[in-house]
Amino acid sequence: MKNPIFGEVVLNKQDIELGVEVIAKRLNERFKEAVVITVVPGGMLFTADLVRRLDFDLAMDYISCPHTPGERHNDSHIVFHDNVGIQGRDVILMDDAIESGGTMKRLVEYLQAFSPNSLCIATLFVKPGRVTIPAEQFYAYEMATDELLIGYGLPWEHKFRNIPYISKLKR
C-alpha cells in the first residue's frame, strides 16, 4: 500500500514473523496453561499471530483502554469484564507494542486487583522512552528511538492498523 505518510520500514513481514516466533518459543518454555488478554484493538493482529504458535492450554479475553498514539498521559476508561476469570491464574497481557508504557502500566495495575497468580506482558516491540512497568515482559525488539510508528496494529488517525509491516510515520 503506497501512502505519503509511510516512511522507512522498521519491521517488515519477515521481521514480524521472526519476532512472533521468538516470543512464542519463550512463552512455550514458561507456561503450561494461561489466560491471554488482548489489548484491543491494537493487539489483535499480534495476538492472532502469536496464539497460533502457542502449544499450551489457553483461554482468551480482552481489555480496552483507548488512547492516541504518542500520548503520554492516558486517563481513558478501562473496559474489562473478566469473562473467563483470572483470579489465581497465570495471565499474559498481549499488545502490539509498548510505546510510552503509560497505558500498559495502568492495565497491569488494574488487572493485579483481580489477583492473578502471575501477570506478564507479551509485545512485538518496546520503545526506549517507556516507563517502568511492574510485570515480566516478553518482546522481540527494542526500537532505537521513540518515533511514531504505524502498521501491524498501530494506527494513525484510526487508520492503517491493517498494514502488514511497521513503518515510521512521516508528518
N, C-alpha and C. Protein backbone atom coordinates (compact mmCIF):
# COMPACT_ATOMS: atom_id res chain seq x y z
N MET A 1 0.86 -1.18 0.00
CA MET A 1 0.00 0.00 0.00
C MET A 1 0.90 1.24 0.00
N LYS A 2 0.72 2.07 -0.97
CA LYS A 2 1.50 3.31 -1.07
C LYS A 2 0.72 4.44 -0.41
N ASN A 3 1.40 5.20 0.42
CA ASN A 3 0.79 6.34 1.07
C ASN A 3 1.90 7.31 1.44
N PRO A 4 1.72 8.61 1.21
CA PRO A 4 2.79 9.56 1.50
C PRO A 4 3.16 9.68 2.98
N ILE A 5 2.34 9.14 3.90
CA ILE A 5 2.71 9.24 5.32
C ILE A 5 3.57 8.07 5.77
N PHE A 6 3.72 7.05 4.93
CA PHE A 6 4.56 5.90 5.29
C PHE A 6 6.01 6.24 5.03
N GLY A 7 6.81 6.16 6.07
CA GLY A 7 8.24 6.40 5.95
C GLY A 7 8.99 5.09 5.82
N GLU A 8 10.20 5.11 6.32
CA GLU A 8 11.08 3.94 6.29
C GLU A 8 10.43 2.75 7.01
N VAL A 9 10.52 1.57 6.41
CA VAL A 9 10.01 0.35 7.05
C VAL A 9 10.96 -0.02 8.18
N VAL A 10 10.39 -0.21 9.36
CA VAL A 10 11.18 -0.54 10.54
C VAL A 10 11.19 -2.04 10.78
N LEU A 11 10.03 -2.67 10.62
CA LEU A 11 9.90 -4.14 10.72
C LEU A 11 9.08 -4.60 9.53
N ASN A 12 9.68 -5.43 8.67
CA ASN A 12 8.94 -5.96 7.53
C ASN A 12 8.20 -7.24 7.95
N LYS A 13 7.47 -7.85 7.02
CA LYS A 13 6.68 -9.05 7.35
C LYS A 13 7.54 -10.16 7.93
N GLN A 14 8.72 -10.36 7.38
CA GLN A 14 9.60 -11.42 7.86
C GLN A 14 10.12 -11.12 9.27
N ASP A 15 10.44 -9.85 9.54
CA ASP A 15 10.87 -9.45 10.89
C ASP A 15 9.76 -9.73 11.91
N ILE A 16 8.53 -9.40 11.52
CA ILE A 16 7.39 -9.62 12.41
C ILE A 16 7.20 -11.10 12.67
N GLU A 17 7.25 -11.92 11.62
CA GLU A 17 7.10 -13.38 11.79
C GLU A 17 8.19 -13.94 12.70
N LEU A 18 9.41 -13.49 12.50
CA LEU A 18 10.52 -13.95 13.35
C LEU A 18 10.31 -13.51 14.80
N GLY A 19 9.90 -12.26 15.00
CA GLY A 19 9.65 -11.77 16.35
C GLY A 19 8.55 -12.55 17.05
N VAL A 20 7.48 -12.83 16.34
CA VAL A 20 6.38 -13.62 16.91
C VAL A 20 6.89 -15.01 17.29
N GLU A 21 7.70 -15.61 16.44
CA GLU A 21 8.24 -16.95 16.72
C GLU A 21 9.13 -16.93 17.96
N VAL A 22 9.96 -15.91 18.11
CA VAL A 22 10.85 -15.79 19.27
C VAL A 22 10.04 -15.70 20.56
N ILE A 23 9.00 -14.89 20.55
CA ILE A 23 8.18 -14.73 21.74
C ILE A 23 7.40 -16.01 22.04
N ALA A 24 6.88 -16.67 21.01
CA ALA A 24 6.16 -17.93 21.20
C ALA A 24 7.06 -18.97 21.86
N LYS A 25 8.29 -19.06 21.40
CA LYS A 25 9.23 -20.03 21.98
C LYS A 25 9.43 -19.75 23.48
N ARG A 26 9.62 -18.49 23.82
CA ARG A 26 9.82 -18.13 25.24
C ARG A 26 8.59 -18.45 26.08
N LEU A 27 7.42 -18.13 25.56
CA LEU A 27 6.18 -18.40 26.30
C LEU A 27 5.93 -19.90 26.42
N ASN A 28 6.20 -20.65 25.35
CA ASN A 28 6.02 -22.10 25.40
C ASN A 28 6.94 -22.76 26.42
N GLU A 29 8.11 -22.19 26.62
CA GLU A 29 9.04 -22.72 27.64
C GLU A 29 8.58 -22.37 29.05
N ARG A 30 7.81 -21.32 29.20
CA ARG A 30 7.43 -20.80 30.52
C ARG A 30 6.08 -21.29 31.03
N PHE A 31 5.11 -21.52 30.12
CA PHE A 31 3.74 -21.81 30.55
C PHE A 31 3.25 -23.19 30.14
N LYS A 32 2.40 -23.76 30.99
CA LYS A 32 1.66 -24.98 30.67
C LYS A 32 0.19 -24.65 30.43
N GLU A 33 -0.23 -23.51 30.97
CA GLU A 33 -1.61 -23.04 30.84
C GLU A 33 -1.60 -21.54 31.19
N ALA A 34 -2.47 -20.77 30.51
CA ALA A 34 -2.53 -19.34 30.80
C ALA A 34 -3.81 -18.73 30.23
N VAL A 35 -4.14 -17.55 30.72
CA VAL A 35 -5.19 -16.73 30.14
C VAL A 35 -4.50 -15.63 29.35
N VAL A 36 -4.83 -15.53 28.08
CA VAL A 36 -4.31 -14.48 27.22
C VAL A 36 -5.35 -13.36 27.19
N ILE A 37 -4.92 -12.15 27.54
CA ILE A 37 -5.80 -10.99 27.47
C ILE A 37 -5.23 -10.05 26.43
N THR A 38 -6.01 -9.82 25.38
CA THR A 38 -5.58 -8.94 24.29
C THR A 38 -6.01 -7.52 24.56
N VAL A 39 -5.09 -6.59 24.37
CA VAL A 39 -5.43 -5.17 24.41
C VAL A 39 -6.00 -4.83 23.04
N VAL A 40 -7.29 -4.49 23.02
CA VAL A 40 -7.95 -4.21 21.74
C VAL A 40 -8.12 -2.71 21.54
N PRO A 41 -8.06 -2.24 20.29
CA PRO A 41 -7.91 -3.04 19.08
C PRO A 41 -6.46 -3.30 18.67
N GLY A 42 -5.50 -2.59 19.21
CA GLY A 42 -4.12 -2.66 18.73
C GLY A 42 -3.48 -4.02 18.77
N GLY A 43 -3.76 -4.81 19.78
CA GLY A 43 -3.09 -6.10 19.93
C GLY A 43 -3.72 -7.25 19.17
N MET A 44 -4.77 -7.00 18.43
CA MET A 44 -5.50 -8.09 17.78
C MET A 44 -4.65 -8.87 16.77
N LEU A 45 -3.93 -8.19 15.90
CA LEU A 45 -3.13 -8.88 14.88
C LEU A 45 -2.00 -9.68 15.52
N PHE A 46 -1.28 -9.03 16.46
CA PHE A 46 -0.18 -9.70 17.14
C PHE A 46 -0.68 -10.92 17.92
N THR A 47 -1.78 -10.76 18.63
CA THR A 47 -2.33 -11.88 19.40
C THR A 47 -2.72 -13.02 18.49
N ALA A 48 -3.40 -12.72 17.39
CA ALA A 48 -3.82 -13.78 16.45
C ALA A 48 -2.60 -14.54 15.93
N ASP A 49 -1.56 -13.82 15.56
CA ASP A 49 -0.35 -14.48 15.06
C ASP A 49 0.34 -15.30 16.14
N LEU A 50 0.39 -14.75 17.35
CA LEU A 50 1.12 -15.41 18.43
C LEU A 50 0.40 -16.63 18.99
N VAL A 51 -0.89 -16.55 19.27
CA VAL A 51 -1.57 -17.68 19.91
C VAL A 51 -1.58 -18.92 19.03
N ARG A 52 -1.52 -18.74 17.72
CA ARG A 52 -1.47 -19.91 16.82
C ARG A 52 -0.15 -20.66 16.94
N ARG A 53 0.84 -20.06 17.59
CA ARG A 53 2.14 -20.71 17.77
C ARG A 53 2.34 -21.21 19.21
N LEU A 54 1.35 -21.00 20.06
CA LEU A 54 1.47 -21.46 21.45
C LEU A 54 0.97 -22.88 21.57
N ASP A 55 1.70 -23.72 22.30
CA ASP A 55 1.31 -25.12 22.40
C ASP A 55 0.86 -25.51 23.81
N PHE A 56 0.42 -24.54 24.60
CA PHE A 56 -0.13 -24.84 25.91
C PHE A 56 -1.62 -24.46 25.92
N ASP A 57 -2.35 -24.96 26.92
CA ASP A 57 -3.77 -24.65 27.04
C ASP A 57 -3.94 -23.17 27.37
N LEU A 58 -4.87 -22.53 26.67
CA LEU A 58 -5.12 -21.12 26.97
C LEU A 58 -6.58 -20.77 26.83
N ALA A 59 -6.96 -19.79 27.61
CA ALA A 59 -8.27 -19.15 27.49
C ALA A 59 -7.98 -17.74 27.02
N MET A 60 -8.98 -17.10 26.40
CA MET A 60 -8.74 -15.76 25.86
C MET A 60 -9.79 -14.77 26.32
N ASP A 61 -9.35 -13.54 26.56
CA ASP A 61 -10.23 -12.45 26.95
C ASP A 61 -9.66 -11.18 26.32
N TYR A 62 -10.28 -10.04 26.60
CA TYR A 62 -9.81 -8.78 26.04
C TYR A 62 -9.98 -7.66 27.05
N ILE A 63 -9.22 -6.60 26.82
CA ILE A 63 -9.29 -5.40 27.64
C ILE A 63 -9.10 -4.21 26.70
N SER A 64 -9.70 -3.08 27.05
CA SER A 64 -9.59 -1.90 26.21
C SER A 64 -9.34 -0.67 27.06
N CYS A 65 -8.50 0.21 26.52
CA CYS A 65 -8.20 1.49 27.16
C CYS A 65 -7.74 2.43 26.05
N PRO A 66 -8.68 2.99 25.30
CA PRO A 66 -8.32 3.79 24.11
C PRO A 66 -7.36 4.92 24.43
N HIS A 67 -6.45 5.15 23.49
CA HIS A 67 -5.52 6.27 23.62
C HIS A 67 -5.06 6.71 22.25
N THR A 68 -4.44 7.86 22.22
CA THR A 68 -3.90 8.41 20.98
C THR A 68 -2.42 8.07 20.90
N PRO A 69 -1.95 7.52 19.75
CA PRO A 69 -0.52 7.21 19.62
C PRO A 69 0.35 8.42 19.96
N GLY A 70 1.38 8.16 20.75
CA GLY A 70 2.29 9.22 21.15
C GLY A 70 1.86 9.95 22.41
N GLU A 71 0.64 9.69 22.86
CA GLU A 71 0.11 10.34 24.07
C GLU A 71 0.80 9.75 25.29
N ARG A 72 1.24 10.60 26.20
CA ARG A 72 1.96 10.10 27.37
C ARG A 72 1.07 9.99 28.62
N HIS A 73 -0.12 10.56 28.60
CA HIS A 73 -1.00 10.51 29.77
C HIS A 73 -2.38 10.06 29.33
N ASN A 74 -2.64 8.78 29.50
CA ASN A 74 -3.92 8.20 29.09
C ASN A 74 -4.80 8.04 30.32
N ASP A 75 -5.85 8.83 30.39
CA ASP A 75 -6.79 8.73 31.50
C ASP A 75 -8.12 8.11 31.08
N SER A 76 -8.16 7.49 29.91
CA SER A 76 -9.43 6.94 29.43
C SER A 76 -9.87 5.75 30.27
N HIS A 77 -11.14 5.45 30.19
CA HIS A 77 -11.78 4.39 30.96
C HIS A 77 -11.28 3.01 30.51
N ILE A 78 -10.96 2.14 31.45
CA ILE A 78 -10.56 0.77 31.14
C ILE A 78 -11.82 -0.09 31.10
N VAL A 79 -11.95 -0.88 30.04
CA VAL A 79 -13.08 -1.79 29.90
C VAL A 79 -12.55 -3.23 29.98
N PHE A 80 -12.96 -3.97 31.01
CA PHE A 80 -12.57 -5.37 31.19
C PHE A 80 -13.69 -6.06 31.94
N HIS A 81 -14.16 -7.18 31.41
CA HIS A 81 -15.29 -7.88 32.01
C HIS A 81 -14.92 -9.17 32.75
N ASP A 82 -13.64 -9.56 32.71
CA ASP A 82 -13.18 -10.79 33.36
C ASP A 82 -14.06 -11.97 32.95
N ASN A 83 -14.24 -12.12 31.67
CA ASN A 83 -15.13 -13.15 31.11
C ASN A 83 -14.74 -14.58 31.47
N VAL A 84 -13.45 -14.85 31.60
CA VAL A 84 -13.02 -16.23 31.86
C VAL A 84 -12.51 -16.43 33.28
N GLY A 85 -12.39 -15.36 34.05
CA GLY A 85 -11.92 -15.47 35.44
C GLY A 85 -10.42 -15.60 35.50
N ILE A 86 -9.73 -14.59 35.99
CA ILE A 86 -8.26 -14.64 36.04
C ILE A 86 -7.72 -14.82 37.46
N GLN A 87 -8.57 -14.80 38.46
CA GLN A 87 -8.09 -14.97 39.83
C GLN A 87 -7.35 -16.30 39.96
N GLY A 88 -6.12 -16.25 40.50
CA GLY A 88 -5.33 -17.45 40.73
C GLY A 88 -4.75 -18.08 39.47
N ARG A 89 -4.87 -17.42 38.34
CA ARG A 89 -4.38 -17.99 37.07
C ARG A 89 -3.21 -17.18 36.53
N ASP A 90 -2.41 -17.81 35.68
CA ASP A 90 -1.33 -17.11 35.00
C ASP A 90 -1.92 -16.34 33.84
N VAL A 91 -1.56 -15.06 33.72
CA VAL A 91 -2.14 -14.17 32.71
C VAL A 91 -1.03 -13.59 31.85
N ILE A 92 -1.27 -13.59 30.53
CA ILE A 92 -0.36 -12.96 29.57
C ILE A 92 -1.14 -11.84 28.90
N LEU A 93 -0.72 -10.61 29.13
CA LEU A 93 -1.35 -9.44 28.53
C LEU A 93 -0.62 -9.16 27.22
N MET A 94 -1.37 -9.19 26.08
CA MET A 94 -0.75 -9.05 24.76
C MET A 94 -1.17 -7.76 24.08
N ASP A 95 -0.17 -7.08 23.53
CA ASP A 95 -0.41 -5.87 22.73
C ASP A 95 0.66 -5.81 21.65
N ASP A 96 0.43 -4.97 20.65
CA ASP A 96 1.39 -4.88 19.55
C ASP A 96 2.73 -4.30 20.00
N ALA A 97 2.69 -3.31 20.91
CA ALA A 97 3.91 -2.62 21.30
C ALA A 97 3.73 -1.93 22.64
N ILE A 98 4.85 -1.64 23.27
CA ILE A 98 4.86 -0.74 24.42
C ILE A 98 5.59 0.50 23.96
N GLU A 99 4.83 1.59 23.86
CA GLU A 99 5.43 2.85 23.41
C GLU A 99 5.87 3.65 24.63
N SER A 100 5.05 4.55 25.14
CA SER A 100 5.44 5.29 26.35
C SER A 100 5.35 4.39 27.57
N GLY A 101 4.47 3.38 27.51
CA GLY A 101 4.30 2.45 28.61
C GLY A 101 3.25 2.86 29.62
N GLY A 102 2.75 4.09 29.52
CA GLY A 102 1.79 4.57 30.50
C GLY A 102 0.50 3.78 30.51
N THR A 103 -0.04 3.49 29.34
CA THR A 103 -1.28 2.72 29.28
C THR A 103 -1.05 1.30 29.76
N MET A 104 0.05 0.67 29.34
CA MET A 104 0.33 -0.70 29.77
C MET A 104 0.51 -0.77 31.27
N LYS A 105 1.17 0.21 31.85
CA LYS A 105 1.35 0.24 33.31
C LYS A 105 -0.02 0.31 34.00
N ARG A 106 -0.91 1.17 33.50
CA ARG A 106 -2.27 1.26 34.07
C ARG A 106 -3.01 -0.07 33.96
N LEU A 107 -2.88 -0.74 32.81
CA LEU A 107 -3.58 -2.01 32.61
C LEU A 107 -3.05 -3.08 33.56
N VAL A 108 -1.75 -3.15 33.72
CA VAL A 108 -1.15 -4.12 34.64
C VAL A 108 -1.64 -3.87 36.07
N GLU A 109 -1.60 -2.63 36.51
CA GLU A 109 -2.06 -2.30 37.86
C GLU A 109 -3.55 -2.63 38.02
N TYR A 110 -4.34 -2.36 37.02
CA TYR A 110 -5.77 -2.65 37.05
C TYR A 110 -6.01 -4.16 37.17
N LEU A 111 -5.32 -4.95 36.36
CA LEU A 111 -5.51 -6.40 36.37
C LEU A 111 -4.99 -7.05 37.65
N GLN A 112 -4.00 -6.46 38.29
CA GLN A 112 -3.49 -7.01 39.55
C GLN A 112 -4.59 -7.08 40.61
N ALA A 113 -5.56 -6.18 40.54
CA ALA A 113 -6.66 -6.17 41.51
C ALA A 113 -7.54 -7.43 41.40
N PHE A 114 -7.43 -8.17 40.30
CA PHE A 114 -8.20 -9.41 40.11
C PHE A 114 -7.45 -10.62 40.68
N SER A 115 -6.30 -10.39 41.30
CA SER A 115 -5.49 -11.42 41.97
C SER A 115 -5.09 -12.59 41.08
N PRO A 116 -4.46 -12.32 39.93
CA PRO A 116 -3.95 -13.43 39.14
C PRO A 116 -2.77 -14.08 39.85
N ASN A 117 -2.47 -15.31 39.52
CA ASN A 117 -1.29 -15.99 40.07
C ASN A 117 -0.03 -15.27 39.59
N SER A 118 0.01 -14.96 38.28
CA SER A 118 1.12 -14.19 37.71
C SER A 118 0.56 -13.37 36.56
N LEU A 119 1.28 -12.31 36.22
CA LEU A 119 0.86 -11.44 35.13
C LEU A 119 2.11 -10.99 34.39
N CYS A 120 2.17 -11.29 33.10
CA CYS A 120 3.29 -10.85 32.29
C CYS A 120 2.75 -10.18 31.02
N ILE A 121 3.66 -9.58 30.27
CA ILE A 121 3.30 -8.86 29.06
C ILE A 121 4.04 -9.48 27.88
N ALA A 122 3.34 -9.64 26.75
CA ALA A 122 3.96 -10.08 25.51
C ALA A 122 3.65 -9.03 24.45
N THR A 123 4.70 -8.47 23.85
CA THR A 123 4.55 -7.47 22.79
C THR A 123 5.61 -7.74 21.73
N LEU A 124 5.34 -7.26 20.53
CA LEU A 124 6.33 -7.42 19.47
C LEU A 124 7.56 -6.57 19.74
N PHE A 125 7.35 -5.32 20.17
CA PHE A 125 8.49 -4.45 20.43
C PHE A 125 8.19 -3.45 21.53
N VAL A 126 9.26 -2.87 22.05
CA VAL A 126 9.17 -1.81 23.04
C VAL A 126 9.99 -0.62 22.54
N LYS A 127 9.66 0.55 23.07
CA LYS A 127 10.42 1.76 22.74
C LYS A 127 11.29 2.16 23.93
N PRO A 128 12.38 2.88 23.67
CA PRO A 128 13.34 3.18 24.74
C PRO A 128 12.84 4.13 25.83
N GLY A 129 11.91 5.03 25.51
CA GLY A 129 11.47 6.03 26.48
C GLY A 129 10.35 5.59 27.39
N ARG A 130 10.08 4.29 27.44
CA ARG A 130 8.93 3.79 28.20
C ARG A 130 9.15 3.88 29.71
N VAL A 131 8.04 3.96 30.42
CA VAL A 131 8.10 3.97 31.88
C VAL A 131 8.32 2.54 32.38
N THR A 132 8.69 2.42 33.64
CA THR A 132 8.85 1.11 34.24
C THR A 132 7.48 0.50 34.50
N ILE A 133 7.32 -0.74 34.11
CA ILE A 133 6.05 -1.46 34.27
C ILE A 133 6.31 -2.65 35.19
N PRO A 134 5.50 -2.80 36.25
CA PRO A 134 5.75 -3.86 37.23
C PRO A 134 5.27 -5.24 36.78
N ALA A 135 5.85 -5.74 35.69
CA ALA A 135 5.49 -7.08 35.19
C ALA A 135 6.62 -7.60 34.32
N GLU A 136 6.79 -8.91 34.30
CA GLU A 136 7.76 -9.54 33.40
C GLU A 136 7.33 -9.25 31.96
N GLN A 137 8.30 -8.97 31.09
CA GLN A 137 7.98 -8.61 29.71
C GLN A 137 8.70 -9.52 28.72
N PHE A 138 7.94 -10.00 27.75
CA PHE A 138 8.47 -10.79 26.66
C PHE A 138 8.30 -9.96 25.40
N TYR A 139 9.40 -9.62 24.74
CA TYR A 139 9.33 -8.87 23.49
C TYR A 139 10.50 -9.28 22.61
N ALA A 140 10.33 -9.03 21.30
CA ALA A 140 11.35 -9.44 20.35
C ALA A 140 12.32 -8.32 20.00
N TYR A 141 11.82 -7.09 19.98
CA TYR A 141 12.64 -5.98 19.50
C TYR A 141 12.56 -4.78 20.45
N GLU A 142 13.68 -4.07 20.57
CA GLU A 142 13.69 -2.79 21.26
C GLU A 142 14.08 -1.75 20.22
N MET A 143 13.19 -0.81 19.98
CA MET A 143 13.42 0.22 18.98
C MET A 143 14.53 1.17 19.45
N ALA A 144 15.21 1.76 18.50
CA ALA A 144 16.30 2.68 18.82
C ALA A 144 15.80 4.06 19.23
N THR A 145 14.61 4.44 18.73
CA THR A 145 14.08 5.77 19.02
C THR A 145 12.60 5.67 19.40
N ASP A 146 12.05 6.79 19.84
CA ASP A 146 10.64 6.87 20.21
C ASP A 146 9.77 7.44 19.08
N GLU A 147 10.25 7.36 17.84
CA GLU A 147 9.49 7.90 16.71
C GLU A 147 8.12 7.23 16.61
N LEU A 148 7.14 7.96 16.07
CA LEU A 148 5.81 7.39 15.85
C LEU A 148 5.87 6.37 14.73
N LEU A 149 5.25 5.21 14.96
CA LEU A 149 5.24 4.12 14.01
C LEU A 149 3.80 3.76 13.66
N ILE A 150 3.58 3.22 12.46
CA ILE A 150 2.24 2.79 12.04
C ILE A 150 2.33 1.42 11.38
N GLY A 151 1.19 0.72 11.40
CA GLY A 151 1.08 -0.59 10.78
C GLY A 151 1.05 -1.70 11.81
N TYR A 152 0.61 -2.88 11.37
CA TYR A 152 0.54 -4.08 12.21
C TYR A 152 -0.10 -3.78 13.57
N GLY A 153 -1.25 -3.13 13.53
CA GLY A 153 -1.99 -2.81 14.75
C GLY A 153 -1.84 -1.38 15.22
N LEU A 154 -0.77 -0.71 14.82
CA LEU A 154 -0.51 0.67 15.24
C LEU A 154 -1.20 1.63 14.27
N PRO A 155 -2.10 2.46 14.76
CA PRO A 155 -2.86 3.33 13.86
C PRO A 155 -2.28 4.74 13.73
N TRP A 156 -2.76 5.42 12.75
CA TRP A 156 -2.62 6.86 12.68
C TRP A 156 -3.99 7.38 12.26
N GLU A 157 -4.57 8.25 13.09
CA GLU A 157 -5.90 8.79 12.86
C GLU A 157 -6.91 7.67 12.62
N HIS A 158 -6.82 6.63 13.42
CA HIS A 158 -7.73 5.47 13.42
C HIS A 158 -7.66 4.66 12.13
N LYS A 159 -6.59 4.79 11.37
CA LYS A 159 -6.42 4.03 10.13
C LYS A 159 -5.06 3.34 10.13
N PHE A 160 -4.84 2.48 9.18
CA PHE A 160 -3.57 1.83 8.87
C PHE A 160 -3.18 0.71 9.82
N ARG A 161 -4.07 0.26 10.69
CA ARG A 161 -3.75 -0.88 11.57
C ARG A 161 -3.50 -2.14 10.75
N ASN A 162 -4.11 -2.24 9.56
CA ASN A 162 -4.05 -3.46 8.76
C ASN A 162 -2.81 -3.55 7.87
N ILE A 163 -1.92 -2.59 7.91
CA ILE A 163 -0.70 -2.65 7.12
C ILE A 163 0.15 -3.80 7.68
N PRO A 164 0.63 -4.73 6.82
CA PRO A 164 1.31 -5.94 7.32
C PRO A 164 2.77 -5.74 7.72
N TYR A 165 3.22 -4.53 7.85
CA TYR A 165 4.57 -4.21 8.29
C TYR A 165 4.48 -2.96 9.16
N ILE A 166 5.59 -2.57 9.76
CA ILE A 166 5.62 -1.37 10.60
C ILE A 166 6.59 -0.38 9.98
N SER A 167 6.10 0.84 9.82
CA SER A 167 6.95 1.89 9.25
C SER A 167 6.91 3.14 10.11
N LYS A 168 7.88 3.99 9.88
CA LYS A 168 7.89 5.30 10.54
C LYS A 168 6.78 6.13 9.92
N LEU A 169 6.25 7.03 10.70
CA LEU A 169 5.22 7.95 10.24
C LEU A 169 5.88 9.23 9.77
N LYS A 170 5.57 9.62 8.53
CA LYS A 170 6.03 10.92 8.01
C LYS A 170 4.93 11.92 8.26
N ARG A 171 5.25 13.06 8.85
CA ARG A 171 4.22 14.10 9.07
C ARG A 171 4.61 15.37 8.43
